């Protein structure tokens, strides 16, 4: 096996490493999205005062005191 054979093997190993890393990164990104999406949806719903999914008014006003009472 000559010099070109070693180059082809090295490029093949790099390609396999790239594909493996990309696959692991995509799986991690999907898991992170599943964790963060409900939190972001809840945060946006509380900021806007209504549920973004069903457009129902938020019940947060009944739970938390008005901002004027907060220190």
PDB file of N, CA and C in Angstrom:
ATOM      1  N   UNK A   1       0.863  -1.173   0.000  1.00  0.00           N
ATOM      2  CA  UNK A   1       0.000   0.000   0.000  1.00  0.00           C
ATOM      3  C   UNK A   1       0.906   1.231   0.000  1.00  0.00           C
ATOM      4  N   UNK A   2       0.692   2.058  -0.956  1.00  0.00           N
ATOM      5  CA  UNK A   2       1.530   3.242  -1.123  1.00  0.00           C
ATOM      6  C   UNK A   2       0.969   4.437  -0.366  1.00  0.00           C
ATOM      7  N   UNK A   3       1.562   5.547  -0.689  1.00  0.00           N
ATOM      8  CA  UNK A   3       1.187   6.806  -0.053  1.00  0.00           C
ATOM      9  C   UNK A   3      -0.282   7.142  -0.300  1.00  0.00           C
ATOM     10  N   UNK A   4      -0.779   6.934  -1.509  1.00  0.00           N
ATOM     11  CA  UNK A   4      -2.176   7.241  -1.823  1.00  0.00           C
ATOM     12  C   UNK A   4      -3.119   6.325  -1.050  1.00  0.00           C
ATOM     13  N   UNK A   5      -2.696   5.098  -0.782  1.00  0.00           N
ATOM     14  CA  UNK A   5      -3.525   4.186   0.014  1.00  0.00           C
ATOM     15  C   UNK A   5      -3.702   4.699   1.432  1.00  0.00           C
ATOM     16  N   UNK A   6      -2.609   5.229   2.019  1.00  0.00           N
ATOM     17  CA  UNK A   6      -2.694   5.788   3.366  1.00  0.00           C
ATOM     18  C   UNK A   6      -3.584   7.034   3.394  1.00  0.00           C
ATOM     19  N   UNK A   7      -3.498   7.825   2.375  1.00  0.00           N
ATOM     20  CA  UNK A   7      -4.343   9.028   2.284  1.00  0.00           C
ATOM     21  C   UNK A   7      -5.808   8.624   2.200  1.00  0.00           C
ATOM     22  N   UNK A   8      -6.125   7.634   1.409  1.00  0.00           N
ATOM     23  CA  UNK A   8      -7.516   7.179   1.266  1.00  0.00           C
ATOM     24  C   UNK A   8      -8.024   6.616   2.589  1.00  0.00           C
ATOM     25  N   UNK A   9      -7.200   5.838   3.282  1.00  0.00           N
ATOM     26  CA  UNK A   9      -7.598   5.282   4.583  1.00  0.00           C
ATOM     27  C   UNK A   9      -7.814   6.406   5.593  1.00  0.00           C
ATOM     28  N   UNK A  10      -6.900   7.388   5.614  1.00  0.00           N
ATOM     29  CA  UNK A  10      -7.017   8.511   6.550  1.00  0.00           C
ATOM     30  C   UNK A  10      -8.295   9.312   6.268  1.00  0.00           C
ATOM     31  N   UNK A  11      -8.569   9.570   5.006  1.00  0.00           N
ATOM     32  CA  UNK A  11      -9.796  10.307   4.671  1.00  0.00           C
ATOM     33  C   UNK A  11     -11.041   9.500   5.030  1.00  0.00           C
ATOM     34  N   UNK A  12     -10.977   8.184   4.847  1.00  0.00           N
ATOM     35  CA  UNK A  12     -12.110   7.331   5.232  1.00  0.00           C
ATOM     36  C   UNK A  12     -12.358   7.378   6.729  1.00  0.00           C
ATOM     37  N   UNK A  13     -11.287   7.347   7.523  1.00  0.00           N
ATOM     38  CA  UNK A  13     -11.435   7.428   8.986  1.00  0.00           C
ATOM     39  C   UNK A  13     -12.003   8.783   9.391  1.00  0.00           C
ATOM     40  N   UNK A  14     -11.518   9.847   8.756  1.00  0.00           N
ATOM     41  CA  UNK A  14     -12.061  11.179   9.059  1.00  0.00           C
ATOM     42  C   UNK A  14     -13.543  11.271   8.699  1.00  0.00           C
ATOM     43  N   UNK A  15     -13.916  10.698   7.585  1.00  0.00           N
ATOM     44  CA  UNK A  15     -15.316  10.723   7.168  1.00  0.00           C
ATOM     45  C   UNK A  15     -16.198   9.956   8.155  1.00  0.00           C
ATOM     46  N   UNK A  16     -15.729   8.800   8.602  1.00  0.00           N
ATOM     47  CA  UNK A  16     -16.494   8.013   9.585  1.00  0.00           C
ATOM     48  C   UNK A  16     -16.633   8.788  10.895  1.00  0.00           C
ATOM     49  N   UNK A  17     -15.544   9.438  11.335  1.00  0.00           N
ATOM     50  CA  UNK A  17     -15.600  10.256  12.547  1.00  0.00           C
ATOM     51  C   UNK A  17     -16.567  11.419  12.415  1.00  0.00           C
ATOM     52  N   UNK A  18     -16.561  12.057  11.254  1.00  0.00           N
ATOM     53  CA  UNK A  18     -17.486  13.164  11.009  1.00  0.00           C
ATOM     54  C   UNK A  18     -18.938  12.700  11.059  1.00  0.00           C
ATOM     55  N   UNK A  19     -19.228  11.595  10.396  1.00  0.00           N
ATOM     56  CA  UNK A  19     -20.601  11.066  10.366  1.00  0.00           C
ATOM     57  C   UNK A  19     -21.045  10.661  11.767  1.00  0.00           C
ATOM     58  N   UNK A  20     -20.160  10.021  12.516  1.00  0.00           N
ATOM     59  CA  UNK A  20     -20.493   9.585  13.871  1.00  0.00           C
ATOM     60  C   UNK A  20     -20.755  10.799  14.776  1.00  0.00           C
ATOM     61  N   UNK A  21     -19.887  11.812  14.712  1.00  0.00           N
ATOM     62  CA  UNK A  21     -20.073  13.016  15.522  1.00  0.00           C
ATOM     63  C   UNK A  21     -21.329  13.782  15.156  1.00  0.00           C
ATOM     64  N   UNK A  22     -21.620  13.850  13.883  1.00  0.00           N
ATOM     65  CA  UNK A  22     -22.833  14.554  13.442  1.00  0.00           C
ATOM     66  C   UNK A  22     -24.079  13.845  13.950  1.00  0.00           C
ATOM     67  N   UNK A  23     -24.064  12.524  13.892  1.00  0.00           N
ATOM     68  CA  UNK A  23     -25.214  11.746  14.370  1.00  0.00           C
ATOM     69  C   UNK A  23     -25.429  11.954  15.868  1.00  0.00           C
ATOM     70  N   UNK A  24     -24.339  11.901  16.638  1.00  0.00           N
ATOM     71  CA  UNK A  24     -24.453  12.121  18.081  1.00  0.00           C
ATOM     72  C   UNK A  24     -24.914  13.543  18.388  1.00  0.00           C
ATOM     73  N   UNK A  25     -24.424  14.513  17.632  1.00  0.00           N
ATOM     74  CA  UNK A  25     -24.832  15.901  17.836  1.00  0.00           C
ATOM     75  C   UNK A  25     -26.305  16.122  17.540  1.00  0.00           C
ATOM     76  N   UNK A  26     -26.790  15.502  16.478  1.00  0.00           N
ATOM     77  CA  UNK A  26     -28.212  15.633  16.145  1.00  0.00           C
ATOM     78  C   UNK A  26     -29.086  14.996  17.219  1.00  0.00           C
ATOM     79  N   UNK A  27     -28.670  13.839  17.722  1.00  0.00           N
ATOM     80  CA  UNK A  27     -29.444  13.178  18.777  1.00  0.00           C
ATOM     81  C   UNK A  27     -29.465  14.034  20.040  1.00  0.00           C
ATOM     82  N   UNK A  28     -28.326  14.633  20.386  1.00  0.00           N
ATOM     83  CA  UNK A  28     -28.267  15.487  21.568  1.00  0.00           C
ATOM     84  C   UNK A  28     -29.127  16.735  21.380  1.00  0.00           C
ATOM     85  N   UNK A  29     -29.125  17.295  20.175  1.00  0.00           N
ATOM     86  CA  UNK A  29     -29.941  18.470  19.892  1.00  0.00           C
ATOM     87  C   UNK A  29     -31.429  18.173  19.994  1.00  0.00           C
ATOM     88  N   UNK A  30     -31.840  17.009  19.538  1.00  0.00           N
ATOM     89  CA  UNK A  30     -33.246  16.624  19.635  1.00  0.00           C
ATOM     90  C   UNK A  30     -33.650  16.475  21.099  1.00  0.00           C
ATOM     91  N   UNK A  31     -32.797  15.840  21.897  1.00  0.00           N
ATOM     92  CA  UNK A  31     -33.095  15.684  23.325  1.00  0.00           C
ATOM     93  C   UNK A  31     -33.188  17.042  24.003  1.00  0.00           C
ATOM     94  N   UNK A  32     -32.266  17.938  23.691  1.00  0.00           N
ATOM     95  CA  UNK A  32     -32.270  19.270  24.287  1.00  0.00           C
ATOM     96  C   UNK A  32     -33.525  20.046  23.879  1.00  0.00           C
ATOM     97  N   UNK A  33     -33.926  19.915  22.626  1.00  0.00           N
ATOM     98  CA  UNK A  33     -35.148  20.583  22.164  1.00  0.00           C
ATOM     99  C   UNK A  33     -36.382  20.073  22.871  1.00  0.00           C
ATOM    100  N   UNK A  34     -36.438  18.775  23.124  1.00  0.00           N
ATOM    101  CA  UNK A  34     -37.578  18.209  23.843  1.00  0.00           C
ATOM    102  C   UNK A  34     -37.643  18.713  25.269  1.00  0.00           C
ATOM    103  N   UNK A  35     -36.506  19.010  25.853  1.00  0.00           N
ATOM    104  CA  UNK A  35     -36.470  19.504  27.228  1.00  0.00           C
ATOM    105  C   UNK A  35     -36.810  20.992  27.279  1.00  0.00           C
ATOM    106  N   UNK A  36     -36.272  21.772  26.355  1.00  0.00           N
ATOM    107  CA  UNK A  36     -36.415  23.216  26.408  1.00  0.00           C
ATOM    108  C   UNK A  36     -37.722  23.750  25.820  1.00  0.00           C
ATOM    109  N   UNK A  37     -38.309  23.058  24.874  1.00  0.00           N
ATOM    110  CA  UNK A  37     -39.512  23.564  24.207  1.00  0.00           C
ATOM    111  C   UNK A  37     -40.663  23.824  25.175  1.00  0.00           C
ATOM    112  N   UNK A  38     -40.995  22.907  26.087  1.00  0.00           N
ATOM    113  CA  UNK A  38     -42.090  23.202  27.009  1.00  0.00           C
ATOM    114  C   UNK A  38     -41.786  24.374  27.937  1.00  0.00           C
ATOM    115  N   UNK A  39     -40.525  24.522  28.336  1.00  0.00           N
ATOM    116  CA  UNK A  39     -40.165  25.641  29.211  1.00  0.00           C
ATOM    117  C   UNK A  39     -40.305  26.972  28.485  1.00  0.00           C
ATOM    118  N   UNK A  40     -39.855  27.025  27.246  1.00  0.00           N
ATOM    119  CA  UNK A  40     -39.976  28.262  26.479  1.00  0.00           C
ATOM    120  C   UNK A  40     -41.438  28.588  26.168  1.00  0.00           C
ATOM    121  N   UNK A  41     -42.221  27.575  25.872  1.00  0.00           N
ATOM    122  CA  UNK A  41     -43.644  27.783  25.616  1.00  0.00           C
ATOM    123  C   UNK A  41     -44.340  28.334  26.855  1.00  0.00           C
ATOM    124  N   UNK A  42     -44.005  27.773  28.015  1.00  0.00           N
ATOM    125  CA  UNK A  42     -44.597  28.262  29.262  1.00  0.00           C
ATOM    126  C   UNK A  42     -44.160  29.695  29.551  1.00  0.00           C
ATOM    127  N   UNK A  43     -42.892  30.000  29.335  1.00  0.00           N
ATOM    128  CA  UNK A  43     -42.396  31.346  29.583  1.00  0.00           C
ATOM    129  C   UNK A  43     -43.105  32.361  28.683  1.00  0.00           C
ATOM    130  N   UNK A  44     -43.218  32.054  27.404  1.00  0.00           N
ATOM    131  CA  UNK A  44     -43.886  32.970  26.483  1.00  0.00           C
ATOM    132  C   UNK A  44     -45.367  33.130  26.837  1.00  0.00           C
ATOM    133  N   UNK A  45     -46.003  32.041  27.259  1.00  0.00           N
ATOM    134  CA  UNK A  45     -47.412  32.111  27.640  1.00  0.00           C
ATOM    135  C   UNK A  45     -47.594  33.006  28.858  1.00  0.00           C
ATOM    136  N   UNK A  46     -46.705  32.876  29.844  1.00  0.00           N
ATOM    137  CA  UNK A  46     -46.806  33.715  31.039  1.00  0.00           C
ATOM    138  C   UNK A  46     -46.517  35.176  30.718  1.00  0.00           C
ATOM    139  N   UNK A  47     -45.573  35.430  29.811  1.00  0.00           N
ATOM    140  CA  UNK A  47     -45.267  36.810  29.436  1.00  0.00           C
ATOM    141  C   UNK A  47     -46.422  37.463  28.692  1.00  0.00           C
ATOM    142  N   UNK A  48     -47.104  36.713  27.840  1.00  0.00           N
ATOM    143  CA  UNK A  48     -48.190  37.283  27.040  1.00  0.00           C
ATOM    144  C   UNK A  48     -49.525  37.289  27.784  1.00  0.00           C
ATOM    145  N   UNK A  49     -49.639  36.457  28.820  1.00  0.00           N
ATOM    146  CA  UNK A  49     -50.861  36.457  29.616  1.00  0.00           C
ATOM    147  C   UNK A  49     -51.930  35.499  29.124  1.00  0.00           C
ATOM    148  N   UNK A  50     -51.624  34.700  28.130  1.00  0.00           N
ATOM    149  CA  UNK A  50     -52.576  33.697  27.640  1.00  0.00           C
ATOM    150  C   UNK A  50     -51.801  32.499  27.091  1.00  0.00           C
ATOM    151  N   UNK A  51     -52.497  31.379  27.030  1.00  0.00           N
ATOM    152  CA  UNK A  51     -51.878  30.154  26.517  1.00  0.00           C
ATOM    153  C   UNK A  51     -51.687  30.280  25.012  1.00  0.00           C
ATOM    154  N   UNK A  52     -50.475  30.003  24.552  1.00  0.00           N
ATOM    155  CA  UNK A  52     -50.188  30.108  23.118  1.00  0.00           C
ATOM    156  C   UNK A  52     -50.826  28.970  22.330  1.00  0.00           C
ATOM    157  N   UNK A  53     -51.168  27.876  22.982  1.00  0.00           N
ATOM    158  CA  UNK A  53     -51.765  26.738  22.284  1.00  0.00           C
ATOM    159  C   UNK A  53     -53.273  26.887  22.137  1.00  0.00           C
ATOM    160  N   UNK A  54     -53.956  27.226  23.238  1.00  0.00           N
ATOM    161  CA  UNK A  54     -55.425  27.257  23.196  1.00  0.00           C
ATOM    162  C   UNK A  54     -55.996  28.673  23.318  1.00  0.00           C
ATOM    163  N   UNK A  55     -55.161  29.686  23.455  1.00  0.00           N
ATOM    164  CA  UNK A  55     -55.565  31.096  23.552  1.00  0.00           C
ATOM    165  C   UNK A  55     -56.400  31.391  24.808  1.00  0.00           C
ATOM    166  N   UNK A  56     -56.360  30.516  25.799  1.00  0.00           N
ATOM    167  CA  UNK A  56     -57.105  30.730  27.040  1.00  0.00           C
ATOM    168  C   UNK A  56     -56.333  31.702  27.929  1.00  0.00           C
ATOM    169  N   UNK A  57     -57.042  32.641  28.585  1.00  0.00           N
ATOM    170  CA  UNK A  57     -56.337  33.588  29.465  1.00  0.00           C
ATOM    171  C   UNK A  57     -55.587  32.855  30.581  1.00  0.00           C
ATOM    172  N   UNK A  58     -54.487  33.452  30.986  1.00  0.00           N
ATOM    173  CA  UNK A  58     -53.643  32.848  32.011  1.00  0.00           C
ATOM    174  C   UNK A  58     -54.298  32.956  33.378  1.00  0.00           C
ATOM    175  N   UNK A  59     -54.039  31.964  34.215  1.00  0.00           N
ATOM    176  CA  UNK A  59     -54.538  31.983  35.583  1.00  0.00           C
ATOM    177  C   UNK A  59     -53.483  32.532  36.535  1.00  0.00           C
ATOM    178  N   UNK A  60     -52.387  33.043  35.996  1.00  0.00           N
ATOM    179  CA  UNK A  60     -51.281  33.530  36.816  1.00  0.00           C
ATOM    180  C   UNK A  60     -51.687  34.764  37.616  1.00  0.00           C
ATOM    181  N   UNK A  61     -52.627  35.563  37.104  1.00  0.00           N
ATOM    182  CA  UNK A  61     -53.044  36.761  37.830  1.00  0.00           C
ATOM    183  C   UNK A  61     -53.713  36.390  39.151  1.00  0.00           C
ATOM    184  N   UNK A  62     -54.362  35.235  39.181  1.00  0.00           N
ATOM    185  CA  UNK A  62     -55.040  34.801  40.397  1.00  0.00           C
ATOM    186  C   UNK A  62     -54.063  34.191  41.391  1.00  0.00           C
ATOM    187  N   UNK A  63     -52.939  33.693  40.910  1.00  0.00           N
ATOM    188  CA  UNK A  63     -51.984  33.019  41.770  1.00  0.00           C
ATOM    189  C   UNK A  63     -51.001  34.000  42.391  1.00  0.00           C
ATOM    190  N   UNK A  64     -50.447  34.883  41.586  1.00  0.00           N
ATOM    191  CA  UNK A  64     -49.414  35.797  42.045  1.00  0.00           C
ATOM    192  C   UNK A  64     -50.018  37.136  42.446  1.00  0.00           C
ATOM    193  N   UNK A  65     -49.416  37.805  43.441  1.00  0.00           N
ATOM    194  CA  UNK A  65     -49.919  39.116  43.826  1.00  0.00           C
ATOM    195  C   UNK A  65     -49.598  40.140  42.736  1.00  0.00           C
ATOM    196  N   UNK A  66     -50.291  41.270  42.736  1.00  0.00           N
ATOM    197  CA  UNK A  66     -50.016  42.298  41.719  1.00  0.00           C
ATOM    198  C   UNK A  66     -48.591  42.842  41.881  1.00  0.00           C
ATOM    199  N   UNK A  67     -47.997  43.309  40.802  1.00  0.00           N
ATOM    200  CA  UNK A  67     -46.622  43.809  40.861  1.00  0.00           C
ATOM    201  C   UNK A  67     -46.437  44.973  41.826  1.00  0.00           C
ATOM    202  N   UNK A  68     -47.494  45.761  42.075  1.00  0.00           N
ATOM    203  CA  UNK A  68     -47.369  46.891  42.987  1.00  0.00           C
ATOM    204  C   UNK A  68     -47.101  46.446  44.419  1.00  0.00           C
ATOM    205  N   UNK A  69     -47.475  45.232  44.785  1.00  0.00           N
ATOM    206  CA  UNK A  69     -47.220  44.725  46.129  1.00  0.00           C
ATOM    207  C   UNK A  69     -45.842  44.100  46.267  1.00  0.00           C
ATOM    208  N   UNK A  70     -45.190  43.820  45.164  1.00  0.00           N
ATOM    209  CA  UNK A  70     -43.877  43.191  45.216  1.00  0.00           C
ATOM    210  C   UNK A  70     -42.800  44.222  45.498  1.00  0.00           C
ATOM    211  N   UNK A  71     -41.811  43.830  46.260  1.00  0.00           N
ATOM    212  CA  UNK A  71     -40.736  44.763  46.613  1.00  0.00           C
ATOM    213  C   UNK A  71     -39.581  44.666  45.672  1.00  0.00           C
TER     214      UNK A  71
END
